[in-house]
Amino acid sequence: MQLLDTIETETGPNPTATIIFLHGLGDSGNGFAPFAQELDLAAAGPLRFIFPHAPTRPVTVNGGYVMRAWYDILGADLVRREDEAGLRESQALIQALIAREHERGIPASRIVLGGFSQGCAMTLLTGLRHPERLAGLVGLSGYLPLAAQTAAERHGANHGVPIFLAHGRQDPVIPIARALASRDALLAFEHPVEWHEYPMPHSVCGPEIADLTRWLTTLLGPATGRGE
C-alpha cells in the first residue's frame, strides 16, 4: 500500500513517541502543522509529529467538488447516510502510517492518534479497531462514525484506551449534540473520556490547546526510552 504524503516535524533527536494528527474536510496536513509548536510537550521527551494529507475525492454535499477528504459527505444527515467504503479505505491508510512508526522503532503504546472534524471521525474509527494498544486518542470537533457497528468491530487491544474529546458549543457544522452522543457511546464502552466544551464554532481555541497539552503531557509522561 502506498503511504499517504505527510508533513513531519520532530521536537528532538531520536523521538520516543509519535502524534499522528488528521485534518478536516478540505484542509491538508499544512493546516495543523503549526499545532506542533502550540503544544508544549517538552516534559514528554522528543516527539515526532505526523500531519498526513487526505486523498482527494469528490464531495457530494459540496456539489461533487474535488477536495481533500477522508471520506465523502453524502448529505447533512451524518448518521443515516455514511460513506462506509471511503471510511474504511482511509482507515487502512491510517493504519499503514501507524505500522510505519512501529517499523521506525516507536511502539504502538507510544503513538497518539488524533484529528479535527473528519479527522476526529477517522481517529475514533481507526483507533478503536486497531489491533495494538495505542497510547491515546484525540478527537476535536468531530463524532463517532459507523456508531452502530462499533460495538461489534472494536478491538480488545484498545479496550479502555484514554480519549480526549473537545467540541464547540456553537458548532454549526457538527452540532454538539452529535458529539455528546459520541461521548456517551464511548463512555458506555468503558473508555476513560476527558470531555471539554468551549464557547466557539467549528474551530480550535487557546483554552482547548492548553487542556490538550496538559492531557498529552500526563498521557505520555517523561519518556524513558523505546520499547514496549
Protein backbone atom coordinates (compact mmCIF):
# COMPACT_ATOMS: atom_id res chain seq x y z
CA MET A 1 0.00 0.00 0.00
CA GLN A 2 1.26 3.46 -0.93
CA LEU A 3 1.74 5.64 2.13
CA LEU A 4 -0.02 8.98 2.42
CA ASP A 5 2.00 12.12 1.83
CA THR A 6 2.76 13.73 5.18
CA ILE A 7 4.38 16.66 6.91
CA GLU A 8 6.70 15.58 9.72
CA THR A 9 8.39 17.52 12.48
CA GLU A 10 10.46 16.30 15.42
CA THR A 11 10.98 18.12 18.70
CA GLY A 12 14.36 16.47 19.25
CA PRO A 13 16.63 13.68 18.06
CA ASN A 14 15.56 10.05 18.45
CA PRO A 15 11.87 10.63 19.21
CA THR A 16 10.33 8.19 21.67
CA ALA A 17 6.66 8.86 20.84
CA THR A 18 4.61 9.88 17.81
CA ILE A 19 1.49 12.01 17.45
CA ILE A 20 -0.39 11.47 14.19
CA PHE A 21 -2.94 14.25 13.62
CA LEU A 22 -5.58 14.16 10.88
CA HIS A 23 -7.02 17.33 9.33
CA GLY A 24 -10.63 18.11 8.48
CA LEU A 25 -12.58 18.27 5.23
CA GLY A 26 -10.98 20.40 2.52
CA ASP A 27 -7.86 21.09 4.58
CA SER A 28 -4.44 19.45 4.40
CA GLY A 29 -1.65 18.49 6.75
CA ASN A 30 -0.41 22.06 6.43
CA GLY A 31 -3.46 23.32 8.29
CA PHE A 32 -2.50 21.71 11.58
CA ALA A 33 1.29 21.60 11.22
CA PRO A 34 1.64 24.71 13.47
CA PHE A 35 -0.04 22.59 16.15
CA ALA A 36 3.36 21.05 16.89
CA GLN A 37 4.65 24.42 18.09
CA GLU A 38 1.49 25.31 20.02
CA LEU A 39 1.57 22.17 22.17
CA ASP A 40 4.25 22.49 24.85
CA LEU A 41 5.12 18.84 25.38
CA ALA A 42 8.75 19.17 26.45
CA ALA A 43 8.06 17.01 29.52
CA ALA A 44 7.14 14.09 27.27
CA GLY A 45 10.59 13.93 25.70
CA PRO A 46 11.42 14.13 21.99
CA LEU A 47 8.34 13.60 19.83
CA ARG A 48 7.57 13.06 16.16
CA PHE A 49 4.51 14.83 14.78
CA ILE A 50 2.95 13.48 11.58
CA PHE A 51 0.34 15.50 9.66
CA PRO A 52 -0.96 13.44 6.71
CA HIS A 53 -2.69 14.83 3.64
CA ALA A 54 -6.01 13.09 2.95
CA PRO A 55 -6.65 11.78 -0.56
CA THR A 56 -8.65 13.97 -2.94
CA ARG A 57 -12.19 12.92 -3.84
CA PRO A 58 -15.50 14.43 -5.00
CA VAL A 59 -17.61 15.53 -2.02
CA THR A 60 -21.32 15.13 -2.67
CA VAL A 61 -22.54 17.73 -0.19
CA ASN A 62 -20.28 20.29 -1.91
CA GLY A 63 -21.70 19.65 -5.36
CA GLY A 64 -19.15 16.97 -6.22
CA TYR A 65 -16.24 19.40 -5.91
CA VAL A 66 -12.95 17.53 -5.61
CA MET A 67 -11.06 18.28 -2.40
CA ARG A 68 -9.03 16.57 0.25
CA ALA A 69 -11.40 14.41 2.26
CA TRP A 70 -11.04 11.27 4.33
CA TYR A 71 -14.48 10.18 3.08
CA ASP A 72 -17.44 11.55 1.17
CA ILE A 73 -20.18 13.55 2.91
CA LEU A 74 -23.39 12.36 1.27
CA GLY A 75 -25.71 14.85 2.97
CA ALA A 76 -26.43 16.87 6.09
CA ASP A 77 -27.57 13.76 7.98
CA LEU A 78 -24.25 12.32 9.13
CA VAL A 79 -25.89 9.33 10.83
CA ARG A 80 -28.19 7.72 8.27
CA ARG A 81 -26.03 8.25 5.18
CA GLU A 82 -22.36 7.45 5.74
CA ASP A 83 -19.68 6.72 3.15
CA GLU A 84 -18.67 3.40 4.65
CA ALA A 85 -16.39 2.46 1.75
CA GLY A 86 -14.49 5.76 1.98
CA LEU A 87 -14.22 5.49 5.75
CA ARG A 88 -12.72 2.02 5.56
CA GLU A 89 -10.32 2.96 2.75
CA SER A 90 -8.93 5.81 4.83
CA GLN A 91 -8.81 3.57 7.89
CA ALA A 92 -6.40 1.28 6.04
CA LEU A 93 -4.24 4.25 5.00
CA ILE A 94 -4.00 5.48 8.59
CA GLN A 95 -3.20 2.01 9.88
CA ALA A 96 -0.33 1.93 7.40
CA LEU A 97 1.09 5.11 8.95
CA ILE A 98 0.88 3.53 12.41
CA ALA A 99 2.64 0.42 11.11
CA ARG A 100 5.43 2.56 9.63
CA GLU A 101 6.00 4.20 13.00
CA HIS A 102 6.30 0.77 14.56
CA GLU A 103 8.93 -0.09 11.93
CA ARG A 104 10.79 3.11 12.83
CA GLY A 105 11.05 2.00 16.44
CA ILE A 106 8.01 3.64 18.04
CA PRO A 107 5.79 1.06 19.79
CA ALA A 108 2.04 1.37 19.37
CA SER A 109 1.81 2.16 23.09
CA ARG A 110 3.71 5.41 22.39
CA ILE A 111 1.55 6.51 19.44
CA VAL A 112 -1.27 9.02 19.86
CA LEU A 113 -3.82 9.27 17.06
CA GLY A 114 -5.86 12.46 16.80
CA GLY A 115 -7.80 14.65 14.45
CA PHE A 116 -10.19 17.53 13.81
CA SER A 117 -13.72 17.13 12.37
CA GLN A 118 -13.41 14.40 9.70
CA GLY A 119 -10.00 13.70 11.22
CA CYS A 120 -11.69 13.11 14.58
CA ALA A 121 -14.10 10.66 12.96
CA MET A 122 -11.20 8.78 11.37
CA THR A 123 -9.32 8.76 14.69
CA LEU A 124 -12.20 7.10 16.51
CA LEU A 125 -12.95 4.71 13.65
CA THR A 126 -9.34 3.58 13.33
CA GLY A 127 -8.20 3.79 16.93
CA LEU A 128 -10.99 1.68 18.40
CA ARG A 129 -10.39 -1.05 15.80
CA HIS A 130 -6.59 -1.04 15.86
CA PRO A 131 -5.16 -4.47 16.87
CA GLU A 132 -2.37 -2.99 19.04
CA ARG A 133 -2.81 -0.87 22.15
CA LEU A 134 -2.33 2.82 21.34
CA ALA A 135 -1.31 5.48 23.87
CA GLY A 136 -4.49 7.51 23.40
CA LEU A 137 -6.97 9.13 21.00
CA VAL A 138 -7.73 12.82 20.50
CA GLY A 139 -10.98 13.95 18.88
CA LEU A 140 -11.62 17.65 18.24
CA SER A 141 -14.96 18.93 16.87
CA GLY A 142 -15.99 15.56 15.46
CA TYR A 143 -18.09 12.47 16.09
CA LEU A 144 -18.06 8.66 16.16
CA PRO A 145 -18.72 7.27 12.66
CA LEU A 146 -20.35 3.90 11.97
CA ALA A 147 -21.54 4.08 15.55
CA ALA A 148 -23.93 1.16 15.27
CA GLN A 149 -21.11 -1.13 14.14
CA THR A 150 -18.53 -0.03 16.68
CA ALA A 151 -19.50 -2.44 19.46
CA ALA A 152 -19.03 -5.48 17.22
CA GLU A 153 -15.89 -4.22 15.45
CA ARG A 154 -13.80 -2.59 18.18
CA HIS A 155 -10.65 -4.50 19.10
CA GLY A 156 -9.96 -5.73 22.60
CA ALA A 157 -6.40 -4.37 22.42
CA ASN A 158 -7.78 -0.83 22.70
CA HIS A 159 -10.46 -1.53 25.28
CA GLY A 160 -10.22 1.31 27.78
CA VAL A 161 -7.77 3.40 25.73
CA PRO A 162 -7.95 7.00 27.05
CA ILE A 163 -9.72 9.54 24.85
CA PHE A 164 -9.68 13.35 24.82
CA LEU A 165 -12.80 14.87 23.24
CA ALA A 166 -13.49 18.58 22.74
CA HIS A 167 -16.22 20.50 20.92
CA GLY A 168 -17.57 24.00 20.41
CA ARG A 169 -21.00 24.84 21.82
CA GLN A 170 -21.75 27.00 18.76
CA ASP A 171 -20.54 24.48 16.16
CA PRO A 172 -22.78 24.90 13.06
CA VAL A 173 -21.08 22.05 11.13
CA ILE A 174 -21.28 19.19 13.65
CA PRO A 175 -23.83 20.06 16.34
CA ILE A 176 -22.61 19.48 19.85
CA ALA A 177 -25.50 17.04 20.41
CA ARG A 178 -23.81 14.65 17.96
CA ALA A 179 -20.53 14.97 19.84
CA LEU A 180 -22.25 14.37 23.17
CA ALA A 181 -23.89 11.23 21.78
CA SER A 182 -20.46 10.03 20.64
CA ARG A 183 -19.00 10.78 24.07
CA ASP A 184 -21.77 8.81 25.77
CA ALA A 185 -21.24 5.86 23.44
CA LEU A 186 -17.52 5.79 24.25
CA LEU A 187 -18.24 6.01 27.97
CA ALA A 188 -20.61 3.05 27.58
CA PHE A 189 -17.68 1.15 26.05
CA GLU A 190 -15.81 1.93 29.30
CA HIS A 191 -13.27 4.31 27.80
CA PRO A 192 -11.91 7.00 30.15
CA VAL A 193 -13.09 10.05 28.20
CA GLU A 194 -11.94 13.55 29.13
CA TRP A 195 -14.63 15.84 27.73
CA HIS A 196 -14.31 19.57 27.14
CA GLU A 197 -16.64 22.08 25.50
CA TYR A 198 -15.86 25.68 24.65
CA PRO A 199 -17.77 28.81 23.55
CA MET A 200 -16.58 28.55 19.93
CA PRO A 201 -17.82 27.47 16.46
CA HIS A 202 -16.22 24.73 14.33
CA SER A 203 -12.66 25.65 15.24
CA VAL A 204 -9.86 25.34 17.79
CA CYS A 205 -9.27 27.78 20.67
CA GLY A 206 -6.47 28.62 23.07
CA PRO A 207 -8.00 27.07 26.20
CA GLU A 208 -8.56 23.86 24.22
CA ILE A 209 -4.88 23.72 23.27
CA ALA A 210 -3.93 24.28 26.91
CA ASP A 211 -6.23 21.47 28.08
CA LEU A 212 -4.90 19.14 25.39
CA THR A 213 -1.30 19.99 26.28
CA ARG A 214 -1.93 19.01 29.89
CA TRP A 215 -3.70 15.78 28.88
CA LEU A 216 -0.95 14.73 26.46
CA THR A 217 1.80 15.54 28.96
CA THR A 218 0.12 13.32 31.55
CA LEU A 219 -0.55 10.61 28.98
CA LEU A 220 2.96 10.39 27.53
CA GLY A 221 4.82 11.35 30.70
CA PRO A 222 8.58 11.50 30.96
CA ALA A 223 9.96 9.27 28.23
CA THR A 224 12.50 6.71 29.39
CA GLY A 225 13.34 5.24 26.01
CA ARG A 226 11.94 2.96 23.41
CA GLY A 227 10.38 -0.41 23.73
CA GLU A 228 7.11 -1.87 24.91
